[in-house]
């Protein structure tokens, strides 16, 4: 299941970076050149054990919940096939009763799916609980490293943001990891 929260955060970050870039070029024209740096947040997060553990827990939970939902849909399918096999022998009242049973079971399965994986579902809330504090910690570290290095801008080269050329001397990913207390 795609991680819409990370996609949204990356889009917001890209928009902010673009706004900062435009602002920076105006400032650079009036007060001298601004320094740029970039980081790879995917790389940084992949080096943080707490993030890996959180992702692993989310993956396990997601798989468990998907199996539960799949079994509910399999039960609906089984009921429907049994109904098809028995349909010619059933009275109109019995058909209606079985049809309603199938519809209700399918609605239960869909409701469970929405509850677990919906926009504000349990998986989203669990991701917010486990991953957001780590992402906030990384953001604060990026800000601190940028201020320490007097950088005007720090761009993220992971995900949808693309950099056609990047001088490695401006990669501050390892500095952020060191600031967070992790070894390279």
N, C-alpha and C. Protein backbone atom coordinates (compact mmCIF):
# COMPACT_ATOMS: atom_id res chain seq x y z
N UNK A 1 0.85 -1.18 0.00
CA UNK A 1 0.00 0.00 0.00
C UNK A 1 0.90 1.24 0.00
N UNK A 2 0.70 2.21 -0.93
CA UNK A 2 1.57 3.35 -1.01
C UNK A 2 1.50 4.22 0.24
N UNK A 3 2.58 4.84 0.53
CA UNK A 3 2.67 5.67 1.71
C UNK A 3 2.29 7.08 1.34
N UNK A 4 1.02 7.41 1.43
CA UNK A 4 0.54 8.71 1.03
C UNK A 4 1.04 9.80 1.96
N UNK A 5 1.27 9.48 3.21
CA UNK A 5 1.77 10.46 4.17
C UNK A 5 3.16 10.93 3.76
N UNK A 6 4.04 10.02 3.40
CA UNK A 6 5.39 10.40 2.98
C UNK A 6 5.34 11.16 1.66
N UNK A 7 4.48 10.76 0.73
CA UNK A 7 4.34 11.45 -0.54
C UNK A 7 3.88 12.88 -0.31
N UNK A 8 2.89 13.06 0.56
CA UNK A 8 2.39 14.39 0.87
C UNK A 8 3.47 15.23 1.51
N UNK A 9 4.20 14.64 2.47
CA UNK A 9 5.28 15.38 3.14
C UNK A 9 6.35 15.79 2.13
N UNK A 10 6.68 14.92 1.19
CA UNK A 10 7.70 15.23 0.20
C UNK A 10 7.21 16.36 -0.72
N UNK A 11 5.92 16.35 -1.08
CA UNK A 11 5.38 17.42 -1.92
C UNK A 11 5.43 18.75 -1.17
N UNK A 12 5.07 18.73 0.11
CA UNK A 12 5.13 19.94 0.91
C UNK A 12 6.57 20.42 1.01
N UNK A 13 7.48 19.48 1.27
CA UNK A 13 8.90 19.83 1.39
C UNK A 13 9.40 20.41 0.07
N UNK A 14 9.03 19.81 -1.05
CA UNK A 14 9.45 20.31 -2.37
C UNK A 14 8.93 21.71 -2.59
N UNK A 15 7.67 21.96 -2.24
CA UNK A 15 7.09 23.29 -2.40
C UNK A 15 7.83 24.31 -1.54
N UNK A 16 8.11 23.94 -0.29
CA UNK A 16 8.86 24.83 0.60
C UNK A 16 10.27 25.07 0.07
N UNK A 17 10.91 24.02 -0.42
CA UNK A 17 12.27 24.15 -0.95
C UNK A 17 12.27 25.09 -2.16
N UNK A 18 11.27 24.96 -3.03
CA UNK A 18 11.17 25.82 -4.20
C UNK A 18 10.94 27.27 -3.77
N UNK A 19 10.06 27.48 -2.79
CA UNK A 19 9.81 28.82 -2.27
C UNK A 19 11.09 29.40 -1.66
N UNK A 20 11.80 28.57 -0.88
CA UNK A 20 13.06 29.02 -0.30
C UNK A 20 14.09 29.33 -1.39
N UNK A 21 14.11 28.54 -2.43
CA UNK A 21 15.05 28.75 -3.52
C UNK A 21 14.80 30.09 -4.19
N UNK A 22 13.54 30.38 -4.46
CA UNK A 22 13.18 31.66 -5.09
C UNK A 22 13.53 32.81 -4.16
N UNK A 23 13.16 32.66 -2.88
CA UNK A 23 13.48 33.70 -1.89
C UNK A 23 14.99 33.87 -1.79
N UNK A 24 15.69 32.78 -1.80
CA UNK A 24 17.15 32.81 -1.68
C UNK A 24 17.81 33.50 -2.85
N UNK A 25 17.29 33.30 -4.04
CA UNK A 25 17.90 33.96 -5.18
C UNK A 25 17.69 35.46 -5.11
N UNK A 26 16.55 35.89 -4.57
CA UNK A 26 16.32 37.32 -4.37
C UNK A 26 17.29 37.86 -3.33
N UNK A 27 17.43 37.13 -2.22
CA UNK A 27 18.35 37.53 -1.16
C UNK A 27 19.79 37.52 -1.67
N UNK A 28 20.13 36.50 -2.45
CA UNK A 28 21.49 36.39 -2.98
C UNK A 28 21.83 37.57 -3.87
N UNK A 29 20.86 38.05 -4.63
CA UNK A 29 21.10 39.18 -5.51
C UNK A 29 21.34 40.46 -4.72
N UNK A 30 20.71 40.54 -3.53
CA UNK A 30 20.84 41.76 -2.75
C UNK A 30 21.94 41.70 -1.71
N UNK A 31 22.31 40.52 -1.24
CA UNK A 31 23.26 40.45 -0.13
C UNK A 31 24.40 39.47 -0.34
N UNK A 32 24.61 38.99 -1.52
CA UNK A 32 25.67 38.02 -1.75
C UNK A 32 25.08 36.64 -1.96
N UNK A 33 25.91 35.70 -2.37
CA UNK A 33 25.44 34.35 -2.69
C UNK A 33 25.11 33.55 -1.44
N UNK A 34 24.02 32.80 -1.53
CA UNK A 34 23.62 31.92 -0.44
C UNK A 34 24.26 30.55 -0.66
N UNK A 35 24.58 29.87 0.44
CA UNK A 35 25.15 28.54 0.35
C UNK A 35 24.02 27.51 0.33
N UNK A 36 24.20 26.48 -0.47
CA UNK A 36 23.24 25.40 -0.58
C UNK A 36 23.84 24.11 -0.07
N UNK A 37 23.00 23.23 0.42
CA UNK A 37 23.41 21.88 0.78
C UNK A 37 22.26 20.96 0.43
N UNK A 38 22.53 19.70 0.40
CA UNK A 38 21.44 18.76 0.16
C UNK A 38 21.61 17.56 1.06
N UNK A 39 20.52 16.89 1.30
CA UNK A 39 20.52 15.66 2.06
C UNK A 39 19.68 14.63 1.32
N UNK A 40 19.84 13.41 1.68
CA UNK A 40 19.03 12.32 1.15
C UNK A 40 18.28 11.74 2.34
N UNK A 41 17.03 12.16 2.53
CA UNK A 41 16.29 11.72 3.71
C UNK A 41 16.03 10.22 3.70
N UNK A 42 15.89 9.64 2.51
CA UNK A 42 15.73 8.17 2.47
C UNK A 42 16.96 7.49 3.06
N UNK A 43 18.14 7.98 2.68
CA UNK A 43 19.39 7.43 3.20
C UNK A 43 19.48 7.64 4.71
N UNK A 44 19.17 8.85 5.16
CA UNK A 44 19.25 9.15 6.59
C UNK A 44 18.33 8.23 7.37
N UNK A 45 17.08 8.14 6.94
CA UNK A 45 16.12 7.29 7.66
C UNK A 45 16.53 5.82 7.64
N UNK A 46 17.15 5.39 6.53
CA UNK A 46 17.57 3.98 6.44
C UNK A 46 18.72 3.66 7.40
N UNK A 47 19.39 4.69 7.90
CA UNK A 47 20.51 4.49 8.83
C UNK A 47 20.07 4.55 10.29
N UNK A 48 18.81 4.84 10.53
CA UNK A 48 18.32 5.01 11.90
C UNK A 48 17.57 3.74 12.32
N UNK A 49 18.11 3.00 13.30
CA UNK A 49 17.49 1.74 13.72
C UNK A 49 16.03 1.89 14.19
N UNK A 50 15.71 2.99 14.86
CA UNK A 50 14.34 3.19 15.33
C UNK A 50 13.37 3.29 14.15
N UNK A 51 13.82 3.92 13.07
CA UNK A 51 12.97 4.05 11.89
C UNK A 51 12.76 2.68 11.25
N UNK A 52 13.85 1.91 11.15
CA UNK A 52 13.74 0.56 10.58
C UNK A 52 12.78 -0.29 11.41
N UNK A 53 12.89 -0.18 12.73
CA UNK A 53 12.00 -0.95 13.63
C UNK A 53 10.56 -0.50 13.46
N UNK A 54 10.33 0.80 13.35
CA UNK A 54 8.97 1.32 13.16
C UNK A 54 8.40 0.83 11.84
N UNK A 55 9.20 0.89 10.77
CA UNK A 55 8.74 0.41 9.46
C UNK A 55 8.43 -1.08 9.51
N UNK A 56 9.28 -1.84 10.19
CA UNK A 56 9.06 -3.29 10.32
C UNK A 56 7.76 -3.57 11.06
N UNK A 57 7.53 -2.84 12.14
CA UNK A 57 6.29 -3.03 12.89
C UNK A 57 5.07 -2.67 12.04
N UNK A 58 5.17 -1.57 11.29
CA UNK A 58 4.07 -1.18 10.41
C UNK A 58 3.82 -2.23 9.33
N UNK A 59 4.89 -2.76 8.76
CA UNK A 59 4.75 -3.80 7.73
C UNK A 59 4.08 -5.05 8.29
N UNK A 60 4.52 -5.49 9.47
CA UNK A 60 3.92 -6.67 10.09
C UNK A 60 2.44 -6.46 10.37
N UNK A 61 2.11 -5.30 10.92
CA UNK A 61 0.73 -4.98 11.23
C UNK A 61 -0.11 -4.94 9.96
N UNK A 62 0.42 -4.30 8.94
CA UNK A 62 -0.29 -4.18 7.67
C UNK A 62 -0.56 -5.56 7.05
N UNK A 63 0.43 -6.43 7.08
CA UNK A 63 0.27 -7.78 6.53
C UNK A 63 -0.78 -8.56 7.32
N UNK A 64 -0.71 -8.46 8.63
CA UNK A 64 -1.68 -9.16 9.50
C UNK A 64 -3.10 -8.67 9.20
N UNK A 65 -3.28 -7.35 9.13
CA UNK A 65 -4.60 -6.79 8.87
C UNK A 65 -5.09 -7.17 7.48
N UNK A 66 -4.18 -7.18 6.49
CA UNK A 66 -4.59 -7.53 5.12
C UNK A 66 -5.04 -8.99 5.06
N UNK A 67 -4.36 -9.87 5.79
CA UNK A 67 -4.79 -11.28 5.83
C UNK A 67 -6.18 -11.40 6.42
N UNK A 68 -6.44 -10.64 7.48
CA UNK A 68 -7.75 -10.66 8.13
C UNK A 68 -8.84 -10.19 7.15
N UNK A 69 -8.55 -9.13 6.41
CA UNK A 69 -9.51 -8.60 5.43
C UNK A 69 -9.69 -9.59 4.28
N UNK A 70 -8.60 -10.17 3.81
CA UNK A 70 -8.69 -11.16 2.74
C UNK A 70 -9.55 -12.35 3.14
N UNK A 71 -9.43 -12.78 4.40
CA UNK A 71 -10.25 -13.92 4.86
C UNK A 71 -11.73 -13.53 4.90
N UNK A 72 -12.02 -12.28 5.23
CA UNK A 72 -13.42 -11.82 5.23
C UNK A 72 -13.98 -11.82 3.81
N UNK A 73 -13.19 -11.34 2.85
CA UNK A 73 -13.64 -11.34 1.46
C UNK A 73 -13.75 -12.77 0.92
N UNK A 74 -12.87 -13.66 1.37
CA UNK A 74 -12.95 -15.07 0.95
C UNK A 74 -14.24 -15.70 1.49
N UNK A 75 -14.62 -15.31 2.69
CA UNK A 75 -15.88 -15.80 3.28
C UNK A 75 -17.07 -15.31 2.45
N UNK A 76 -17.03 -14.06 2.01
CA UNK A 76 -18.09 -13.51 1.16
C UNK A 76 -18.15 -14.30 -0.14
N UNK A 77 -17.00 -14.56 -0.74
CA UNK A 77 -16.94 -15.31 -1.99
C UNK A 77 -17.52 -16.71 -1.82
N UNK A 78 -17.18 -17.34 -0.70
CA UNK A 78 -17.68 -18.69 -0.40
C UNK A 78 -19.22 -18.68 -0.27
N UNK A 79 -19.73 -17.68 0.45
CA UNK A 79 -21.18 -17.55 0.60
C UNK A 79 -21.86 -17.33 -0.75
N UNK A 80 -21.24 -16.50 -1.60
CA UNK A 80 -21.82 -16.21 -2.90
C UNK A 80 -21.83 -17.46 -3.79
N UNK A 81 -20.75 -18.22 -3.78
CA UNK A 81 -20.70 -19.45 -4.59
C UNK A 81 -21.72 -20.48 -4.09
N UNK A 82 -21.86 -20.58 -2.77
CA UNK A 82 -22.87 -21.49 -2.22
C UNK A 82 -24.27 -21.04 -2.61
N UNK A 83 -24.49 -19.73 -2.60
CA UNK A 83 -25.80 -19.18 -2.99
C UNK A 83 -26.08 -19.51 -4.45
N UNK A 84 -25.09 -19.34 -5.32
CA UNK A 84 -25.27 -19.65 -6.74
C UNK A 84 -25.61 -21.12 -6.95
N UNK A 85 -24.95 -21.98 -6.20
CA UNK A 85 -25.18 -23.42 -6.34
C UNK A 85 -26.58 -23.81 -5.85
N UNK A 86 -27.06 -23.12 -4.82
CA UNK A 86 -28.35 -23.47 -4.22
C UNK A 86 -29.52 -22.65 -4.77
N UNK A 87 -29.28 -21.65 -5.59
CA UNK A 87 -30.30 -20.67 -5.99
C UNK A 87 -31.55 -21.30 -6.58
N UNK A 88 -31.43 -22.33 -7.39
CA UNK A 88 -32.62 -22.91 -8.02
C UNK A 88 -33.51 -23.65 -7.03
N UNK A 89 -32.94 -24.05 -5.91
CA UNK A 89 -33.71 -24.79 -4.92
C UNK A 89 -34.35 -23.89 -3.85
N UNK A 90 -33.98 -22.61 -3.83
CA UNK A 90 -34.42 -21.72 -2.77
C UNK A 90 -35.72 -20.98 -3.14
N UNK A 91 -36.52 -20.72 -2.12
CA UNK A 91 -37.71 -19.90 -2.31
C UNK A 91 -37.27 -18.44 -2.42
N UNK A 92 -38.19 -17.59 -2.83
CA UNK A 92 -37.85 -16.16 -2.96
C UNK A 92 -37.42 -15.57 -1.62
N UNK A 93 -38.11 -15.94 -0.55
CA UNK A 93 -37.74 -15.44 0.78
C UNK A 93 -36.35 -15.91 1.19
N UNK A 94 -36.03 -17.17 0.92
CA UNK A 94 -34.72 -17.72 1.26
C UNK A 94 -33.62 -17.05 0.43
N UNK A 95 -33.93 -16.79 -0.85
CA UNK A 95 -32.95 -16.10 -1.71
C UNK A 95 -32.65 -14.71 -1.15
N UNK A 96 -33.71 -13.99 -0.80
CA UNK A 96 -33.55 -12.64 -0.27
C UNK A 96 -32.72 -12.66 1.01
N UNK A 97 -32.99 -13.63 1.88
CA UNK A 97 -32.26 -13.75 3.14
C UNK A 97 -30.78 -14.00 2.88
N UNK A 98 -30.46 -14.91 1.97
CA UNK A 98 -29.07 -15.23 1.66
C UNK A 98 -28.36 -14.06 0.98
N UNK A 99 -29.09 -13.36 0.09
CA UNK A 99 -28.52 -12.20 -0.58
C UNK A 99 -28.17 -11.12 0.45
N UNK A 100 -29.07 -10.88 1.39
CA UNK A 100 -28.81 -9.89 2.44
C UNK A 100 -27.62 -10.29 3.31
N UNK A 101 -27.51 -11.59 3.59
CA UNK A 101 -26.37 -12.08 4.37
C UNK A 101 -25.06 -11.81 3.64
N UNK A 102 -25.05 -12.06 2.34
CA UNK A 102 -23.85 -11.82 1.53
C UNK A 102 -23.53 -10.33 1.50
N UNK A 103 -24.55 -9.51 1.29
CA UNK A 103 -24.35 -8.05 1.24
C UNK A 103 -23.80 -7.54 2.57
N UNK A 104 -24.36 -8.03 3.67
CA UNK A 104 -23.90 -7.60 5.00
C UNK A 104 -22.46 -8.02 5.27
N UNK A 105 -22.12 -9.25 4.89
CA UNK A 105 -20.74 -9.73 5.09
C UNK A 105 -19.76 -8.91 4.25
N UNK A 106 -20.16 -8.59 3.02
CA UNK A 106 -19.29 -7.79 2.17
C UNK A 106 -19.12 -6.38 2.74
N UNK A 107 -20.20 -5.81 3.25
CA UNK A 107 -20.14 -4.48 3.87
C UNK A 107 -19.21 -4.51 5.10
N UNK A 108 -19.29 -5.56 5.89
CA UNK A 108 -18.41 -5.70 7.06
C UNK A 108 -16.94 -5.72 6.63
N UNK A 109 -16.66 -6.47 5.57
CA UNK A 109 -15.28 -6.58 5.07
C UNK A 109 -14.79 -5.22 4.57
N UNK A 110 -15.63 -4.52 3.82
CA UNK A 110 -15.24 -3.20 3.29
C UNK A 110 -15.07 -2.19 4.42
N UNK A 111 -15.95 -2.25 5.42
CA UNK A 111 -15.84 -1.34 6.57
C UNK A 111 -14.54 -1.60 7.34
N UNK A 112 -14.20 -2.86 7.52
CA UNK A 112 -12.96 -3.21 8.20
C UNK A 112 -11.76 -2.70 7.40
N UNK A 113 -11.81 -2.87 6.09
CA UNK A 113 -10.73 -2.41 5.22
C UNK A 113 -10.57 -0.89 5.35
N UNK A 114 -11.67 -0.17 5.34
CA UNK A 114 -11.62 1.29 5.48
C UNK A 114 -11.11 1.68 6.87
N UNK A 115 -11.57 0.98 7.90
CA UNK A 115 -11.15 1.25 9.28
C UNK A 115 -9.64 1.08 9.43
N UNK A 116 -9.10 0.05 8.81
CA UNK A 116 -7.67 -0.25 8.96
C UNK A 116 -6.79 0.57 8.02
N UNK A 117 -7.21 0.67 6.73
CA UNK A 117 -6.35 1.26 5.72
C UNK A 117 -6.86 2.56 5.12
N UNK A 118 -7.99 3.07 5.60
CA UNK A 118 -8.56 4.30 5.07
C UNK A 118 -7.69 5.51 5.34
N UNK A 119 -8.13 6.65 4.83
CA UNK A 119 -7.36 7.89 4.92
C UNK A 119 -6.96 8.20 6.37
N UNK A 120 -7.87 8.13 7.28
CA UNK A 120 -7.56 8.36 8.69
C UNK A 120 -7.68 7.06 9.48
N UNK A 121 -7.35 5.96 8.83
CA UNK A 121 -7.49 4.64 9.44
C UNK A 121 -6.42 4.33 10.48
N UNK A 122 -6.52 3.15 11.01
CA UNK A 122 -5.63 2.73 12.09
C UNK A 122 -4.16 2.68 11.64
N UNK A 123 -3.90 2.29 10.39
CA UNK A 123 -2.52 2.24 9.91
C UNK A 123 -1.93 3.64 9.83
N UNK A 124 -2.71 4.60 9.35
CA UNK A 124 -2.26 5.99 9.29
C UNK A 124 -1.93 6.50 10.69
N UNK A 125 -2.81 6.23 11.64
CA UNK A 125 -2.60 6.69 13.03
C UNK A 125 -1.36 6.02 13.64
N UNK A 126 -1.20 4.73 13.35
CA UNK A 126 -0.03 4.02 13.88
C UNK A 126 1.25 4.57 13.26
N UNK A 127 1.21 4.89 11.96
CA UNK A 127 2.37 5.48 11.28
C UNK A 127 2.70 6.84 11.92
N UNK A 128 1.68 7.64 12.18
CA UNK A 128 1.88 8.94 12.83
C UNK A 128 2.54 8.75 14.20
N UNK A 129 2.07 7.76 14.92
CA UNK A 129 2.59 7.48 16.27
C UNK A 129 4.04 7.02 16.24
N UNK A 130 4.38 6.16 15.28
CA UNK A 130 5.72 5.55 15.26
C UNK A 130 6.75 6.34 14.44
N UNK A 131 6.35 6.87 13.30
CA UNK A 131 7.30 7.44 12.35
C UNK A 131 7.44 8.96 12.48
N UNK A 132 6.35 9.65 12.74
CA UNK A 132 6.41 11.12 12.77
C UNK A 132 7.43 11.66 13.77
N UNK A 133 7.52 11.12 14.99
CA UNK A 133 8.54 11.65 15.91
C UNK A 133 9.97 11.51 15.36
N UNK A 134 10.23 10.44 14.64
CA UNK A 134 11.56 10.23 14.05
C UNK A 134 11.78 11.25 12.93
N UNK A 135 10.75 11.45 12.10
CA UNK A 135 10.86 12.43 11.02
C UNK A 135 11.07 13.84 11.58
N UNK A 136 10.38 14.16 12.66
CA UNK A 136 10.55 15.47 13.29
C UNK A 136 11.98 15.63 13.83
N UNK A 137 12.50 14.57 14.42
CA UNK A 137 13.87 14.57 14.95
C UNK A 137 14.88 14.81 13.81
N UNK A 138 14.66 14.16 12.67
CA UNK A 138 15.54 14.33 11.52
C UNK A 138 15.43 15.76 10.99
N UNK A 139 14.21 16.27 10.89
CA UNK A 139 14.03 17.65 10.41
C UNK A 139 14.77 18.64 11.31
N UNK A 140 14.64 18.48 12.61
CA UNK A 140 15.33 19.38 13.55
C UNK A 140 16.85 19.26 13.41
N UNK A 141 17.34 18.05 13.18
CA UNK A 141 18.78 17.85 12.97
C UNK A 141 19.23 18.52 11.67
N UNK A 142 18.42 18.41 10.62
CA UNK A 142 18.76 19.05 9.35
C UNK A 142 18.84 20.57 9.55
N UNK A 143 17.89 21.10 10.27
CA UNK A 143 17.87 22.54 10.54
C UNK A 143 19.12 22.95 11.32
N UNK A 144 19.47 22.18 12.34
CA UNK A 144 20.65 22.50 13.15
C UNK A 144 21.93 22.42 12.32
N UNK A 145 22.06 21.39 11.48
CA UNK A 145 23.25 21.25 10.63
C UNK A 145 23.30 22.40 9.62
N UNK A 146 22.17 22.78 9.08
CA UNK A 146 22.13 23.88 8.12
C UNK A 146 22.57 25.19 8.78
N UNK A 147 22.09 25.43 9.99
CA UNK A 147 22.47 26.64 10.71
C UNK A 147 23.96 26.61 11.07
N UNK A 148 24.45 25.46 11.49
CA UNK A 148 25.86 25.33 11.85
C UNK A 148 26.77 25.59 10.66
N UNK A 149 26.34 25.14 9.48
CA UNK A 149 27.14 25.30 8.27
C UNK A 149 26.78 26.57 7.49
N UNK A 150 25.95 27.41 8.09
CA UNK A 150 25.52 28.67 7.47
C UNK A 150 24.96 28.44 6.07
N UNK A 151 24.16 27.40 5.93
CA UNK A 151 23.55 27.10 4.64
C UNK A 151 22.26 27.91 4.48
N UNK A 152 22.09 28.45 3.31
CA UNK A 152 20.86 29.16 3.02
C UNK A 152 19.73 28.18 2.72
N UNK A 153 20.06 27.06 2.11
CA UNK A 153 19.06 26.08 1.70
C UNK A 153 19.61 24.68 1.83
N UNK A 154 18.74 23.75 2.15
CA UNK A 154 19.07 22.34 2.14
C UNK A 154 17.97 21.67 1.33
N UNK A 155 18.35 21.03 0.28
CA UNK A 155 17.39 20.33 -0.57
C UNK A 155 17.43 18.84 -0.26
N UNK A 156 16.33 18.19 -0.53
CA UNK A 156 16.24 16.74 -0.34
C UNK A 156 16.31 16.09 -1.71
N UNK A 157 17.30 15.26 -1.91
CA UNK A 157 17.45 14.63 -3.23
C UNK A 157 16.72 13.30 -3.34
N UNK A 158 16.08 12.85 -2.28
CA UNK A 158 15.35 11.58 -2.37
C UNK A 158 13.95 11.81 -2.92
N UNK A 159 13.34 10.76 -3.37
CA UNK A 159 11.95 10.84 -3.82
C UNK A 159 11.78 11.61 -5.11
N UNK A 160 10.79 12.48 -5.14
CA UNK A 160 10.43 13.19 -6.36
C UNK A 160 11.32 14.38 -6.67
N UNK A 161 12.03 14.87 -5.69
CA UNK A 161 12.93 15.99 -5.93
C UNK A 161 14.11 15.46 -6.71
N UNK A 162 14.45 16.11 -7.79
CA UNK A 162 15.59 15.61 -8.55
C UNK A 162 16.65 16.70 -8.64
N UNK A 163 17.88 16.26 -8.60
CA UNK A 163 19.03 17.15 -8.75
C UNK A 163 19.83 16.59 -9.93
N UNK A 164 20.01 17.42 -10.91
CA UNK A 164 20.75 16.95 -12.08
C UNK A 164 22.24 16.86 -11.81
N UNK A 165 22.75 17.74 -11.01
CA UNK A 165 24.15 17.69 -10.62
C UNK A 165 24.26 18.07 -9.16
N UNK A 166 25.04 17.31 -8.43
CA UNK A 166 25.25 17.61 -7.02
C UNK A 166 26.70 17.31 -6.66
N UNK A 167 27.40 18.31 -6.18
CA UNK A 167 28.77 18.14 -5.73
C UNK A 167 28.71 17.44 -4.36
N UNK A 168 29.40 16.34 -4.23
CA UNK A 168 29.35 15.53 -3.00
C UNK A 168 29.79 16.30 -1.77
N UNK A 169 30.60 17.33 -1.93
CA UNK A 169 31.06 18.08 -0.75
C UNK A 169 29.91 18.81 -0.06
N UNK A 170 28.78 18.96 -0.73
CA UNK A 170 27.61 19.60 -0.13
C UNK A 170 26.61 18.61 0.45
N UNK A 171 26.89 17.32 0.36
CA UNK A 171 25.99 16.31 0.94
C UNK A 171 26.16 16.32 2.45
N UNK A 172 25.13 16.67 3.16
CA UNK A 172 25.18 16.81 4.62
C UNK A 172 24.45 15.65 5.32
N UNK A 173 24.16 14.58 4.59
CA UNK A 173 23.44 13.44 5.16
C UNK A 173 24.20 12.82 6.34
N UNK A 174 25.50 12.60 6.17
CA UNK A 174 26.29 12.01 7.26
C UNK A 174 26.40 12.95 8.45
N UNK A 175 26.47 14.26 8.18
CA UNK A 175 26.50 15.23 9.28
C UNK A 175 25.23 15.15 10.12
N UNK A 176 24.09 14.97 9.43
CA UNK A 176 22.81 14.85 10.15
C UNK A 176 22.82 13.58 11.00
N UNK A 177 23.33 12.48 10.45
CA UNK A 177 23.41 11.23 11.22
C UNK A 177 24.31 11.39 12.44
N UNK A 178 25.44 12.06 12.27
CA UNK A 178 26.36 12.30 13.38
C UNK A 178 25.68 13.17 14.43
N UNK A 179 24.98 14.19 14.00
CA UNK A 179 24.27 15.08 14.91
C UNK A 179 23.22 14.29 15.70
N UNK A 180 22.59 13.32 15.04
CA UNK A 180 21.60 12.47 15.71
C UNK A 180 22.24 11.43 16.62
N UNK A 181 23.55 11.30 16.55
CA UNK A 181 24.25 10.35 17.41
C UNK A 181 24.51 9.00 16.77
N UNK A 182 24.42 8.91 15.45
CA UNK A 182 24.66 7.65 14.75
C UNK A 182 25.99 7.73 14.01
N UNK A 183 26.66 6.60 13.95
CA UNK A 183 27.93 6.55 13.22
C UNK A 183 27.66 6.31 11.76
N UNK A 184 28.57 6.77 10.91
CA UNK A 184 28.43 6.58 9.47
C UNK A 184 28.53 5.10 9.13
